[in-house]
Protein backbone atom coordinates (compact mmCIF):
# COMPACT_ATOMS: atom_id res chain seq x y z
CA UNK A 1 -0.01 0.04 0.02
CA UNK A 2 1.29 3.39 -1.04
CA UNK A 3 0.35 6.55 1.13
CA UNK A 4 0.75 10.02 -0.38
CA UNK A 5 -0.11 13.43 1.25
CA UNK A 6 -1.68 15.88 -1.18
CA UNK A 7 -3.23 19.33 -1.33
CA UNK A 8 -5.84 20.35 -3.96
CA UNK A 9 -6.95 23.95 -4.56
CA UNK A 10 -10.24 24.47 -6.33
CA UNK A 11 -11.74 27.75 -7.37
CA UNK A 12 -15.58 27.87 -7.99
CA UNK A 13 -17.53 30.72 -9.57
CA UNK A 14 -20.70 28.70 -10.70
CA UNK A 15 -23.83 27.91 -9.01
CA UNK A 16 -23.81 24.21 -10.49
CA UNK A 17 -22.91 21.26 -8.20
CA UNK A 18 -19.27 20.59 -9.02
CA UNK A 19 -17.09 17.50 -8.30
CA UNK A 20 -13.97 18.54 -6.65
CA UNK A 21 -12.37 15.22 -5.46
CA UNK A 22 -12.90 11.77 -6.49
CA UNK A 23 -11.30 8.60 -5.08
CA UNK A 24 -9.81 6.19 -7.63
CA UNK A 25 -11.02 2.72 -8.13
CA UNK A 26 -8.52 1.23 -5.84
CA UNK A 27 -8.00 4.29 -3.58
CA UNK A 28 -9.10 5.49 -0.12
CA UNK A 29 -8.91 9.16 0.54
CA UNK A 30 -8.82 10.62 4.04
CA UNK A 31 -9.54 14.29 4.13
CA UNK A 32 -8.03 16.11 7.11
CA UNK A 33 -8.86 19.85 6.06
CA UNK A 34 -11.54 21.23 4.02
CA UNK A 35 -11.09 24.97 4.03
CA UNK A 36 -13.43 27.40 2.13
CA UNK A 37 -12.63 31.04 1.43
CA UNK A 38 -14.90 33.76 0.16
CA UNK A 39 -12.87 36.19 -1.91
CA UNK A 40 -15.75 38.85 -2.32
CA UNK A 41 -17.67 41.30 -0.42
CA UNK A 42 -20.86 39.24 -0.81
CA UNK A 43 -22.19 36.54 1.42
CA UNK A 44 -22.82 33.32 -0.61
CA UNK A 45 -23.76 29.94 0.77
CA UNK A 46 -21.82 26.69 0.27
CA UNK A 47 -22.88 23.08 0.59
CA UNK A 48 -20.87 19.85 0.31
CA UNK A 49 -22.04 16.32 -0.44
CA UNK A 50 -20.48 12.93 -0.99
CA UNK A 51 -21.77 10.67 -3.79
CA UNK A 52 -21.05 6.95 -3.73
CA UNK A 53 -20.99 6.33 -7.51
CA UNK A 54 -21.30 2.53 -7.03
CA UNK A 55 -24.88 2.79 -5.34
CA UNK A 56 -25.70 6.44 -6.26
CA UNK A 57 -26.37 7.28 -2.57
CA UNK A 58 -25.62 10.84 -1.59
CA UNK A 59 -24.75 12.11 1.91
CA UNK A 60 -24.87 15.66 2.82
CA UNK A 61 -21.61 16.77 4.53
CA UNK A 62 -22.36 20.49 4.93
CA UNK A 63 -25.82 22.03 4.10
CA UNK A 64 -26.02 25.66 3.18
CA UNK A 65 -23.27 27.30 5.30
CA UNK A 66 -23.10 31.04 4.95
CA UNK A 67 -19.87 32.51 4.03
CA UNK A 68 -19.03 35.86 5.56
CA UNK A 69 -17.45 38.58 3.22
CA UNK A 70 -13.66 38.23 2.68
CA UNK A 71 -13.57 35.44 5.12
CA UNK A 72 -12.38 31.59 5.52
CA UNK A 73 -14.06 28.75 7.42
CA UNK A 74 -12.82 25.15 8.21
CA UNK A 75 -15.58 22.92 7.21
CA UNK A 76 -14.41 19.60 8.90
CA UNK A 77 -13.89 18.92 12.68
CA UNK A 78 -13.04 15.36 12.06
CA UNK A 79 -11.40 13.51 9.17
CA UNK A 80 -13.65 12.59 6.17
CA UNK A 81 -13.06 9.28 4.42
CA UNK A 82 -13.82 8.78 0.68
CA UNK A 83 -13.84 5.12 -0.38
CA UNK A 84 -13.27 3.76 -3.78
CA UNK A 85 -15.02 5.72 -6.54
CA UNK A 86 -16.77 8.21 -4.00
CA UNK A 87 -17.06 11.79 -5.27
CA UNK A 88 -16.89 15.09 -3.03
CA UNK A 89 -19.16 17.76 -4.66
CA UNK A 90 -19.51 21.39 -3.73
CA UNK A 91 -22.32 23.87 -4.56
CA UNK A 92 -22.12 27.51 -4.15
CA UNK A 93 -25.40 29.63 -4.08
CA UNK A 94 -23.93 32.52 -6.38
CA UNK A 95 -21.57 33.17 -9.11
CA UNK A 96 -19.06 34.64 -6.69
CA UNK A 97 -15.47 33.53 -6.41
CA UNK A 98 -15.03 30.96 -3.69
CA UNK A 99 -11.71 28.99 -3.21
CA UNK A 100 -11.55 25.58 -1.61
CA UNK A 101 -8.43 24.11 -0.22
CA UNK A 102 -8.25 20.28 0.57
CA UNK A 103 -5.43 18.58 2.54
CA UNK A 104 -5.73 14.89 2.24
CA UNK A 105 -4.06 11.43 2.32
CA UNK A 106 -4.39 8.99 -0.39
CA UNK A 107 -3.97 5.35 0.29
CA UNK A 108 -3.71 2.98 -2.63
């Protein structure tokens, strides 16, 4: 088994639900930090869901969190595990610029 620590940054500026991190077919991902930064003077909302693509079951991780203007929040208080083929998705309520930083461990 190979372990690899990684960071992924994503910039969202659309209201569509967007896939931001997907575990590979033979991979487990442990997300340690999920940080969201609002780079605007507006106050959009953000939501996170995990989709298990093998059974199409969706779980809400964060539902409609308001983001203060020009501020950041840490979404997780405990690690989040994505098993093989799970997909982490984000939705922002406006077309404002929101950045997401994910620190995670991949196990394959």
